[in-house]
Amino acid sequence: MAGGPSTPALAAAVSAAGGLGFLAAGYKTPDDLQSDIAATRKLTSAPVGVNVFLVARTPVDEAALDNYAKAIEPEADRQQVALGDPRFDDDALAAKLEVLCRERPPIVSFTFGCPSREIVERLHREQIAVWVTVTEVHEGLLAADAGGDALVAQGVEAGGHRASFEDVEGRGEIALLPLLRLLATATDLPLVASGGIVDGAGVAAVLAAGARAAQIGTAFMRCPEAATSAPHRNALTRSGQTALTRAFSGRRARGIVNAFMREHSSRAPSAYPQVHHLTAPLRAAARAAGDADAINLWAGQAHSLAVDRPAGELVRRWSADARVALEHARARLQEQGGGPD
């Protein structure tokens, strides 16, 4: 939910309704993160977590990056902006850890990598639980070895960036159900299911598969509390196909297929966050102009089931519907002679 949709109002509404809201720290300055935490605490006294990017410097094919910049320059010209500087940065991780240790949210989750044991122990000393987003079993084992308290299992159905520790084609592209079952046999850590969950029946399904909780993103993006842009919000109302692409950020991410994806996905290099910074000005201009064909429309595979309702109402509805779905499943098992009387 980083890059726009995440807001203090959304996180607070989810937590106040009995869920566990999260603030997205990604792309925020440390000062903005601290302001978001303060704003959320003014809205609710319920627990709210924070999600942090863990960006590692990896080798980049500079020639491929330069060629990609030349390929998308006509789009920047069409949007009447210059391309950005394709630079590396680690999203101000050290400064954000300082903020988190000072503000002490109950949970910090990491994506794009495994925090070191030193980082985990530092957060634990502040009574902060550490969750790690994983896409394969070996990542879950690394997170457990580092001292993580829970694993967020991200299935390939999920919208937005793949959380894989390595951005390699074919890596971390397991569907949510098999990922949950594989992780459950490999570790005793609590599992949080993420990917393609948009209603109470989906919540019930992952609970039955061994998850302790469901993590939902796309289904909140049409809520009035979310700061989703107008063209993105409108795209979520239609049943467009989704696909993985590096075209907008240089890292695999699932979004609704549009013209920019179709034209540039095949040549986009693995270079994050360099490509993110490169395309940021043209995406901002296209977003302001309402041009949905030139922006990243991050969305999970079930995005068309999302509805435009307040976040708190959705949390309460999903909770009630999940209970009903589990009861119906239990009744069907009894009818078939496969469950207790």
Protein backbone atom coordinates (compact mmCIF):
# COMPACT_ATOMS: atom_id res chain seq x y z
CA MET A 1 0.00 0.00 0.00
CA ALA A 2 3.07 2.27 -0.13
CA GLY A 3 3.25 5.12 -2.59
CA GLY A 4 -0.15 6.67 -1.97
CA PRO A 5 -3.08 4.50 -0.79
CA SER A 6 -1.83 4.00 2.78
CA THR A 7 -3.02 6.74 5.17
CA PRO A 8 -3.34 7.19 8.94
CA ALA A 9 -7.12 7.34 8.48
CA LEU A 10 -7.17 3.94 6.75
CA ALA A 11 -4.90 2.23 9.26
CA ALA A 12 -6.82 3.71 12.19
CA ALA A 13 -10.20 2.71 10.77
CA VAL A 14 -9.07 -0.91 10.31
CA SER A 15 -7.69 -1.15 13.84
CA ALA A 16 -10.66 0.60 15.44
CA ALA A 17 -12.98 -1.95 13.81
CA GLY A 18 -11.09 -4.88 15.33
CA GLY A 19 -8.52 -5.54 12.62
CA LEU A 20 -4.83 -4.64 12.69
CA GLY A 21 -4.09 -1.64 10.52
CA PHE A 22 -0.63 -1.00 9.09
CA LEU A 23 1.08 2.19 7.98
CA ALA A 24 3.28 1.94 4.90
CA ALA A 25 6.70 3.44 5.59
CA GLY A 26 7.90 2.84 2.03
CA TYR A 27 8.76 5.99 0.04
CA LYS A 28 8.08 8.14 3.13
CA THR A 29 10.73 10.33 4.72
CA PRO A 30 11.52 9.50 8.36
CA ASP A 31 9.79 12.72 9.42
CA ASP A 32 6.69 11.81 7.42
CA LEU A 33 6.67 8.36 9.01
CA GLN A 34 6.80 9.88 12.48
CA SER A 35 3.99 12.28 11.54
CA ASP A 36 1.87 9.39 10.24
CA ILE A 37 2.35 7.44 13.47
CA ALA A 38 1.34 10.50 15.51
CA ALA A 39 -1.69 11.16 13.31
CA THR A 40 -2.83 7.55 13.60
CA ARG A 41 -2.55 7.62 17.39
CA LYS A 42 -4.79 10.68 17.47
CA LEU A 43 -7.43 8.70 15.57
CA THR A 44 -7.34 5.46 17.55
CA SER A 45 -5.81 3.94 20.67
CA ALA A 46 -5.92 0.47 19.05
CA PRO A 47 -2.64 -1.16 17.94
CA VAL A 48 -1.30 -0.18 14.50
CA GLY A 49 1.76 -1.72 12.84
CA VAL A 50 4.29 -0.32 10.36
CA ASN A 51 5.61 -1.93 7.18
CA VAL A 52 9.21 -1.19 6.16
CA PHE A 53 11.12 -1.78 2.91
CA LEU A 54 14.40 -3.67 3.25
CA VAL A 55 16.21 -2.77 0.03
CA ALA A 56 19.57 -4.37 -0.72
CA ARG A 57 22.05 -3.10 -3.29
CA THR A 58 22.28 -5.66 -6.08
CA PRO A 59 24.21 -5.69 -9.37
CA VAL A 60 22.47 -3.72 -12.13
CA ASP A 61 23.06 -3.94 -15.86
CA GLU A 62 23.82 -0.28 -16.46
CA ALA A 63 23.64 -0.64 -20.25
CA ALA A 64 20.20 -2.21 -20.02
CA LEU A 65 19.09 0.54 -17.63
CA ASP A 66 20.34 3.22 -20.03
CA ASN A 67 18.58 1.54 -22.96
CA TYR A 68 15.37 1.38 -20.95
CA ALA A 69 15.58 5.09 -20.19
CA LYS A 70 15.88 5.79 -23.92
CA ALA A 71 12.93 3.50 -24.66
CA ILE A 72 10.56 5.27 -22.26
CA GLU A 73 11.75 8.80 -23.01
CA PRO A 74 8.97 9.34 -25.60
CA GLU A 75 6.41 8.63 -22.86
CA ALA A 76 8.07 11.23 -20.61
CA ASP A 77 7.94 13.68 -23.51
CA ARG A 78 4.24 12.91 -23.98
CA GLN A 79 3.67 13.66 -20.28
CA GLN A 80 5.80 16.83 -20.70
CA VAL A 81 8.27 15.92 -17.97
CA ALA A 82 11.90 14.83 -17.74
CA LEU A 83 12.77 11.36 -16.54
CA GLY A 84 14.08 11.03 -13.00
CA ASP A 85 17.55 10.13 -11.80
CA PRO A 86 17.86 6.30 -11.78
CA ARG A 87 19.65 6.22 -8.43
CA PHE A 88 19.93 3.64 -5.67
CA ASP A 89 18.80 4.32 -2.12
CA ASP A 90 17.81 2.09 0.78
CA ASP A 91 14.63 4.04 1.60
CA ALA A 92 16.32 5.65 4.62
CA LEU A 93 16.24 2.39 6.58
CA ALA A 94 18.56 3.45 9.41
CA ALA A 95 16.66 6.67 10.07
CA LYS A 96 13.32 4.88 9.97
CA LEU A 97 14.54 2.29 12.46
CA GLU A 98 15.44 5.19 14.76
CA VAL A 99 11.88 6.50 14.46
CA LEU A 100 10.40 3.06 15.10
CA CYS A 101 12.55 2.40 18.15
CA ARG A 102 11.52 5.79 19.52
CA GLU A 103 7.80 5.46 18.71
CA ARG A 104 7.57 1.72 19.51
CA PRO A 105 4.65 0.49 17.40
CA PRO A 106 3.61 -3.00 18.50
CA ILE A 107 4.62 -4.64 15.20
CA VAL A 108 7.05 -3.86 12.40
CA SER A 109 6.86 -5.94 9.25
CA PHE A 110 9.56 -6.11 6.60
CA THR A 111 9.31 -6.67 2.87
CA PHE A 112 11.89 -7.25 0.08
CA GLY A 113 14.31 -9.02 2.42
CA CYS A 114 15.13 -10.60 5.74
CA PRO A 115 16.16 -8.29 8.58
CA SER A 116 19.43 -9.17 10.26
CA ARG A 117 19.43 -10.73 13.70
CA GLU A 118 20.84 -7.44 14.97
CA ILE A 119 17.85 -5.49 13.64
CA VAL A 120 15.40 -8.03 15.05
CA GLU A 121 17.05 -7.98 18.47
CA ARG A 122 17.11 -4.19 18.48
CA LEU A 123 13.36 -4.06 17.84
CA HIS A 124 12.73 -6.79 20.39
CA ARG A 125 14.52 -4.74 23.02
CA GLU A 126 11.86 -2.08 22.42
CA GLN A 127 9.09 -4.68 22.78
CA ILE A 128 8.34 -4.53 19.04
CA ALA A 129 7.30 -7.77 17.33
CA VAL A 130 8.94 -8.48 13.97
CA TRP A 131 7.03 -9.95 11.02
CA VAL A 132 8.81 -10.88 7.78
CA THR A 133 7.09 -11.15 4.40
CA VAL A 134 8.15 -14.31 2.56
CA THR A 135 7.32 -15.92 -0.78
CA GLU A 136 9.09 -19.28 -0.48
CA VAL A 137 9.91 -21.80 2.23
CA HIS A 138 13.65 -21.05 2.32
CA GLU A 139 12.83 -17.38 2.96
CA GLY A 140 10.61 -18.41 5.86
CA LEU A 141 13.42 -20.46 7.35
CA LEU A 142 15.83 -17.53 7.04
CA ALA A 143 13.32 -15.27 8.77
CA ALA A 144 12.83 -17.80 11.57
CA ASP A 145 16.58 -18.11 12.03
CA ALA A 146 16.87 -14.32 12.29
CA GLY A 147 14.40 -14.33 15.17
CA GLY A 148 11.23 -13.21 13.38
CA ASP A 149 7.99 -13.57 15.32
CA ALA A 150 5.64 -14.29 12.40
CA LEU A 151 5.72 -14.86 8.66
CA VAL A 152 3.56 -12.99 6.18
CA ALA A 153 3.08 -15.52 3.39
CA GLN A 154 2.67 -13.57 0.15
CA GLY A 155 1.12 -15.63 -2.63
CA VAL A 156 1.71 -14.77 -6.25
CA GLU A 157 -1.94 -13.59 -6.45
CA ALA A 158 -1.05 -10.50 -4.42
CA GLY A 159 -1.10 -7.03 -5.91
CA GLY A 160 1.90 -4.73 -5.80
CA HIS A 161 5.53 -5.69 -5.46
CA ARG A 162 6.70 -9.23 -4.97
CA ALA A 163 8.31 -9.45 -1.54
CA SER A 164 10.89 -12.04 -2.66
CA PHE A 165 14.31 -11.68 -1.11
CA GLU A 166 15.76 -11.93 -4.65
CA ASP A 167 14.11 -10.35 -7.68
CA VAL A 168 14.64 -13.29 -10.04
CA GLU A 169 12.18 -14.58 -12.64
CA GLY A 170 10.34 -17.64 -11.35
CA ARG A 171 11.47 -17.06 -7.76
CA GLY A 172 8.76 -16.47 -5.19
CA GLU A 173 5.87 -17.13 -7.55
CA ILE A 174 4.00 -19.75 -5.51
CA ALA A 175 0.24 -19.47 -5.06
CA LEU A 176 -0.97 -18.65 -1.56
CA LEU A 177 -2.59 -21.99 -0.64
CA PRO A 178 0.43 -24.20 -1.38
CA LEU A 179 2.73 -21.58 0.16
CA LEU A 180 0.76 -21.70 3.41
CA ARG A 181 0.84 -25.49 3.54
CA LEU A 182 4.55 -25.65 2.71
CA LEU A 183 5.43 -23.08 5.37
CA ALA A 184 3.23 -24.80 7.95
CA THR A 185 5.25 -27.99 7.58
CA ALA A 186 8.59 -26.18 7.71
CA THR A 187 8.19 -23.84 10.70
CA ASP A 188 6.08 -23.33 13.80
CA LEU A 189 5.96 -19.55 13.40
CA PRO A 190 2.48 -18.00 13.07
CA LEU A 191 1.46 -17.42 9.45
CA VAL A 192 -0.33 -14.37 8.06
CA ALA A 193 -1.83 -15.03 4.63
CA SER A 194 -1.55 -12.40 1.89
CA GLY A 195 -2.65 -12.41 -1.73
CA GLY A 196 -6.01 -12.32 -3.49
CA ILE A 197 -8.11 -12.10 -0.31
CA VAL A 198 -11.00 -9.67 -0.76
CA ASP A 199 -13.91 -11.02 1.29
CA GLY A 200 -14.96 -13.07 4.29
CA ALA A 201 -14.92 -16.35 2.40
CA GLY A 202 -11.31 -15.71 1.44
CA VAL A 203 -10.45 -14.99 5.07
CA ALA A 204 -12.13 -18.26 6.09
CA ALA A 205 -10.20 -20.18 3.44
CA VAL A 206 -6.77 -19.08 4.63
CA LEU A 207 -7.68 -19.66 8.28
CA ALA A 208 -8.69 -23.20 7.36
CA ALA A 209 -5.36 -23.60 5.56
CA GLY A 210 -3.38 -22.79 8.70
CA ALA A 211 -3.02 -19.01 8.75
CA ARG A 212 -3.59 -17.11 11.99
CA ALA A 213 -4.76 -14.03 10.11
CA ALA A 214 -5.43 -12.63 6.65
CA GLN A 215 -3.59 -9.60 5.30
CA ILE A 216 -5.66 -7.57 2.84
CA GLY A 217 -4.48 -4.77 0.58
CA THR A 218 -6.25 -4.31 -2.75
CA ALA A 219 -9.73 -4.64 -1.22
CA PHE A 220 -9.05 -1.51 0.89
CA MET A 221 -7.93 0.63 -2.04
CA ARG A 222 -11.45 1.77 -2.96
CA CYS A 223 -12.25 2.79 0.62
CA PRO A 224 -12.85 6.51 1.19
CA GLU A 225 -10.03 6.53 3.76
CA ALA A 226 -7.47 5.37 1.16
CA ALA A 227 -5.53 7.96 -0.85
CA THR A 228 -5.73 5.90 -4.04
CA SER A 229 -5.53 8.15 -7.10
CA ALA A 230 -8.66 8.67 -9.19
CA PRO A 231 -7.44 6.78 -12.30
CA HIS A 232 -6.23 3.88 -10.15
CA ARG A 233 -9.48 3.83 -8.19
CA ASN A 234 -11.49 3.76 -11.42
CA ALA A 235 -9.38 0.95 -12.87
CA LEU A 236 -10.15 -1.21 -9.83
CA THR A 237 -13.85 -1.12 -10.70
CA ARG A 238 -13.25 -2.99 -13.96
CA SER A 239 -12.33 -6.63 -14.52
CA GLY A 240 -8.97 -6.01 -16.18
CA GLN A 241 -6.31 -8.70 -16.42
CA THR A 242 -3.34 -8.46 -14.05
CA ALA A 243 0.27 -9.44 -14.68
CA LEU A 244 3.72 -9.17 -13.16
CA THR A 245 5.91 -6.39 -14.53
CA ARG A 246 9.15 -4.51 -13.87
CA ALA A 247 8.17 -1.68 -16.20
CA PHE A 248 7.38 0.91 -13.53
CA SER A 249 9.88 0.19 -10.76
CA GLY A 250 12.46 -2.32 -11.93
CA ARG A 251 11.10 -4.93 -9.51
CA ARG A 252 8.41 -7.52 -10.24
CA ALA A 253 4.98 -6.25 -9.19
CA ARG A 254 1.42 -7.25 -10.03
CA GLY A 255 -0.82 -4.66 -11.60
CA ILE A 256 -3.70 -4.26 -14.01
CA VAL A 257 -2.38 -4.50 -17.55
CA ASN A 258 -2.30 -1.17 -19.36
CA ALA A 259 -0.56 0.33 -22.37
CA PHE A 260 2.70 1.13 -20.54
CA MET A 261 2.98 -2.45 -19.27
CA ARG A 262 2.26 -3.96 -22.67
CA GLU A 263 4.82 -1.77 -24.41
CA HIS A 264 7.69 -1.84 -21.90
CA SER A 265 7.52 -4.93 -19.65
CA SER A 266 9.64 -7.09 -21.94
CA ARG A 267 12.61 -4.70 -21.91
CA ALA A 268 12.47 -3.43 -18.31
CA PRO A 269 15.62 -4.44 -16.39
CA SER A 270 15.80 -5.80 -12.86
CA ALA A 271 16.91 -2.54 -11.23
CA TYR A 272 15.08 -1.45 -8.09
CA PRO A 273 14.74 1.28 -7.00
CA GLN A 274 16.58 2.79 -9.96
CA VAL A 275 13.69 2.31 -12.40
CA HIS A 276 11.24 3.51 -9.75
CA HIS A 277 13.07 6.83 -9.55
CA LEU A 278 13.46 6.94 -13.34
CA THR A 279 9.72 6.67 -14.01
CA ALA A 280 8.47 8.60 -10.97
CA PRO A 281 8.06 12.00 -12.74
CA LEU A 282 6.15 10.60 -15.72
CA ARG A 283 3.90 8.54 -13.44
CA ALA A 284 3.17 11.58 -11.29
CA ALA A 285 2.28 13.63 -14.35
CA ALA A 286 0.08 10.88 -15.78
CA ARG A 287 -1.66 10.44 -12.43
CA ALA A 288 -2.41 14.15 -12.24
CA ALA A 289 -3.77 14.06 -15.79
CA GLY A 290 -5.95 11.03 -15.05
CA ASP A 291 -4.05 8.91 -17.60
CA ALA A 292 -4.49 5.30 -16.38
CA ASP A 293 -2.44 3.93 -19.29
CA ALA A 294 0.82 5.39 -18.00
CA ILE A 295 0.71 4.67 -14.25
CA ASN A 296 1.23 1.59 -12.11
CA LEU A 297 -2.20 0.13 -11.33
CA TRP A 298 -1.10 -2.25 -8.57
CA ALA A 299 -3.86 -4.77 -7.86
CA GLY A 300 -4.31 -8.38 -6.83
CA GLN A 301 -5.92 -11.00 -9.04
CA ALA A 302 -9.35 -10.62 -7.39
CA HIS A 303 -9.39 -6.81 -7.54
CA SER A 304 -12.72 -6.61 -9.33
CA LEU A 305 -14.44 -7.84 -6.12
CA ALA A 306 -13.31 -4.74 -4.20
CA VAL A 307 -16.10 -2.36 -3.20
CA ASP A 308 -16.33 1.32 -2.34
CA ARG A 309 -17.21 1.13 1.37
CA PRO A 310 -15.66 2.49 4.60
CA ALA A 311 -12.78 0.39 5.89
CA GLY A 312 -14.32 -0.28 9.30
CA GLU A 313 -17.52 -1.54 7.70
CA LEU A 314 -15.51 -3.93 5.53
CA VAL A 315 -13.54 -5.32 8.47
CA ARG A 316 -16.72 -6.05 10.41
CA ARG A 317 -18.42 -7.56 7.36
CA TRP A 318 -15.47 -9.80 6.51
CA SER A 319 -15.22 -11.02 10.08
CA ALA A 320 -18.91 -11.95 10.18
CA ASP A 321 -18.83 -13.51 6.71
CA ALA A 322 -15.73 -15.56 7.59
CA ARG A 323 -17.55 -17.06 10.56
CA VAL A 324 -20.52 -17.94 8.37
CA ALA A 325 -18.27 -19.47 5.71
CA LEU A 326 -16.48 -21.64 8.27
CA GLU A 327 -19.80 -22.80 9.72
CA HIS A 328 -21.08 -23.67 6.25
CA ALA A 329 -17.91 -25.64 5.54
CA ARG A 330 -18.30 -27.50 8.83
CA ALA A 331 -21.93 -28.31 7.99
CA ARG A 332 -20.95 -29.64 4.56
CA LEU A 333 -18.35 -31.89 6.15
CA GLN A 334 -20.95 -33.24 8.55
CA GLU A 335 -23.37 -33.91 5.68
CA GLN A 336 -20.65 -35.90 3.94
CA GLY A 337 -19.75 -37.82 7.07
CA GLY A 338 -16.35 -36.23 7.31
CA GLY A 339 -16.74 -34.12 10.45
CA PRO A 340 -17.89 -34.30 14.06
CA ASP A 341 -21.59 -34.38 14.93
